Amino acid sequence: MKHLYKLLFFFAILFYNIVNAQPPTPPGGGGGVTPGAPASPIDDYIIYLAIVAIFVIYFTYKKSNRLVKN
């Protein structure tokens, strides 16, 4: 039952964050006097970050699985 409360709490926090998320500002200018937000340099490397994250997760899983077997 305690596990169920933790799971419900997690989804409540997740739902709250999704609902209250602000839309991103468009890159390149807001028009008129207000300049837009510059493009984030991390946008160019999202694919590479995802690939590295998958490898890190895999190696961490293998290491913890090996430690459990010993």
C-alpha atoms as a PDB file:
ATOM      1  CA  MET A   1       0.000   0.000   0.000  1.00  0.00           C
ATOM      2  CA  LYS A   2       2.899   2.337   0.764  1.00  0.00           C
ATOM      3  CA  HIS A   3       4.277   1.707  -2.726  1.00  0.00           C
ATOM      4  CA  LEU A   4       0.932   2.742  -4.213  1.00  0.00           C
ATOM      5  CA  TYR A   5       1.022   6.071  -2.336  1.00  0.00           C
ATOM      6  CA  LYS A   6       4.524   6.779  -3.605  1.00  0.00           C
ATOM      7  CA  LEU A   7       3.451   6.005  -7.165  1.00  0.00           C
ATOM      8  CA  LEU A   8       0.384   8.230  -6.903  1.00  0.00           C
ATOM      9  CA  PHE A   9       2.480  11.029  -5.412  1.00  0.00           C
ATOM     10  CA  PHE A  10       4.971  10.725  -8.280  1.00  0.00           C
ATOM     11  CA  PHE A  11       2.240  10.949 -10.917  1.00  0.00           C
ATOM     12  CA  ALA A  12       0.588  13.878  -9.128  1.00  0.00           C
ATOM     13  CA  ILE A  13       3.862  15.825  -9.160  1.00  0.00           C
ATOM     14  CA  LEU A  14       4.468  14.867 -12.796  1.00  0.00           C
ATOM     15  CA  PHE A  15       0.960  15.961 -13.805  1.00  0.00           C
ATOM     16  CA  TYR A  16       1.352  19.246 -11.918  1.00  0.00           C
ATOM     17  CA  ASN A  17       4.626  19.995 -13.718  1.00  0.00           C
ATOM     18  CA  ILE A  18       3.175  19.172 -17.132  1.00  0.00           C
ATOM     19  CA  VAL A  19       0.105  21.345 -16.588  1.00  0.00           C
ATOM     20  CA  ASN A  20       2.101  24.333 -15.333  1.00  0.00           C
ATOM     21  CA  ALA A  21       4.824  24.169 -17.977  1.00  0.00           C
ATOM     22  CA  GLN A  22       5.327  27.352 -19.920  1.00  0.00           C
ATOM     23  CA  PRO A  23       5.581  27.240 -23.695  1.00  0.00           C
ATOM     24  CA  PRO A  24       9.096  27.842 -25.031  1.00  0.00           C
ATOM     25  CA  THR A  25       9.935  31.231 -26.447  1.00  0.00           C
ATOM     26  CA  PRO A  26      10.452  31.177 -30.202  1.00  0.00           C
ATOM     27  CA  PRO A  27      14.085  31.579 -31.263  1.00  0.00           C
ATOM     28  CA  GLY A  28      15.083  34.392 -33.520  1.00  0.00           C
ATOM     29  CA  GLY A  29      13.116  37.313 -32.153  1.00  0.00           C
ATOM     30  CA  GLY A  30       9.870  38.295 -30.579  1.00  0.00           C
ATOM     31  CA  GLY A  31       9.278  41.057 -33.064  1.00  0.00           C
ATOM     32  CA  GLY A  32       9.274  44.789 -32.480  1.00  0.00           C
ATOM     33  CA  VAL A  33      11.498  46.030 -29.696  1.00  0.00           C
ATOM     34  CA  THR A  34      11.773  42.844 -27.642  1.00  0.00           C
ATOM     35  CA  PRO A  35      14.429  40.429 -28.897  1.00  0.00           C
ATOM     36  CA  GLY A  36      13.753  36.702 -28.806  1.00  0.00           C
ATOM     37  CA  ALA A  37      15.648  34.133 -26.825  1.00  0.00           C
ATOM     38  CA  PRO A  38      18.784  32.814 -28.502  1.00  0.00           C
ATOM     39  CA  ALA A  39      18.774  29.169 -29.510  1.00  0.00           C
ATOM     40  CA  SER A  40      20.169  26.922 -26.829  1.00  0.00           C
ATOM     41  CA  PRO A  41      23.476  25.265 -27.782  1.00  0.00           C
ATOM     42  CA  ILE A  42      22.250  21.974 -26.313  1.00  0.00           C
ATOM     43  CA  ASP A  43      19.612  21.715 -29.065  1.00  0.00           C
ATOM     44  CA  ASP A  44      22.229  20.636 -31.584  1.00  0.00           C
ATOM     45  CA  TYR A  45      23.329  17.638 -29.551  1.00  0.00           C
ATOM     46  CA  ILE A  46      20.109  16.082 -28.243  1.00  0.00           C
ATOM     47  CA  ILE A  47      20.542  12.928 -30.346  1.00  0.00           C
ATOM     48  CA  TYR A  48      24.096  12.436 -29.088  1.00  0.00           C
ATOM     49  CA  LEU A  49      23.020  13.018 -25.492  1.00  0.00           C
ATOM     50  CA  ALA A  50      20.271  10.400 -25.857  1.00  0.00           C
ATOM     51  CA  ILE A  51      22.737   7.853 -27.253  1.00  0.00           C
ATOM     52  CA  VAL A  52      25.211   8.507 -24.445  1.00  0.00           C
ATOM     53  CA  ALA A  53      22.383   8.225 -21.886  1.00  0.00           C
ATOM     54  CA  ILE A  54      21.385   4.815 -23.272  1.00  0.00           C
ATOM     55  CA  PHE A  55      24.980   3.580 -22.986  1.00  0.00           C
ATOM     56  CA  VAL A  56      25.305   4.896 -19.430  1.00  0.00           C
ATOM     57  CA  ILE A  57      22.053   3.212 -18.424  1.00  0.00           C
ATOM     58  CA  TYR A  58      23.137  -0.049 -20.050  1.00  0.00           C
ATOM     59  CA  PHE A  59      26.566  -0.135 -18.396  1.00  0.00           C
ATOM     60  CA  THR A  60      25.123   0.842 -15.014  1.00  0.00           C
ATOM     61  CA  TYR A  61      22.563  -1.946 -15.313  1.00  0.00           C
ATOM     62  CA  LYS A  62      25.225  -4.488 -16.278  1.00  0.00           C
ATOM     63  CA  LYS A  63      27.453  -3.419 -13.384  1.00  0.00           C
ATOM     64  CA  SER A  64      24.647  -3.626 -10.812  1.00  0.00           C
ATOM     65  CA  ASN A  65      23.471  -6.942 -12.250  1.00  0.00           C
ATOM     66  CA  ARG A  66      27.005  -8.352 -11.988  1.00  0.00           C
ATOM     67  CA  LEU A  67      27.321  -7.176  -8.376  1.00  0.00           C
ATOM     68  CA  VAL A  68      24.022  -8.815  -7.454  1.00  0.00           C
ATOM     69  CA  LYS A  69      25.104 -12.163  -8.917  1.00  0.00           C
ATOM     70  CA  ASN A  70      28.312 -12.255  -6.849  1.00  0.00           C
END
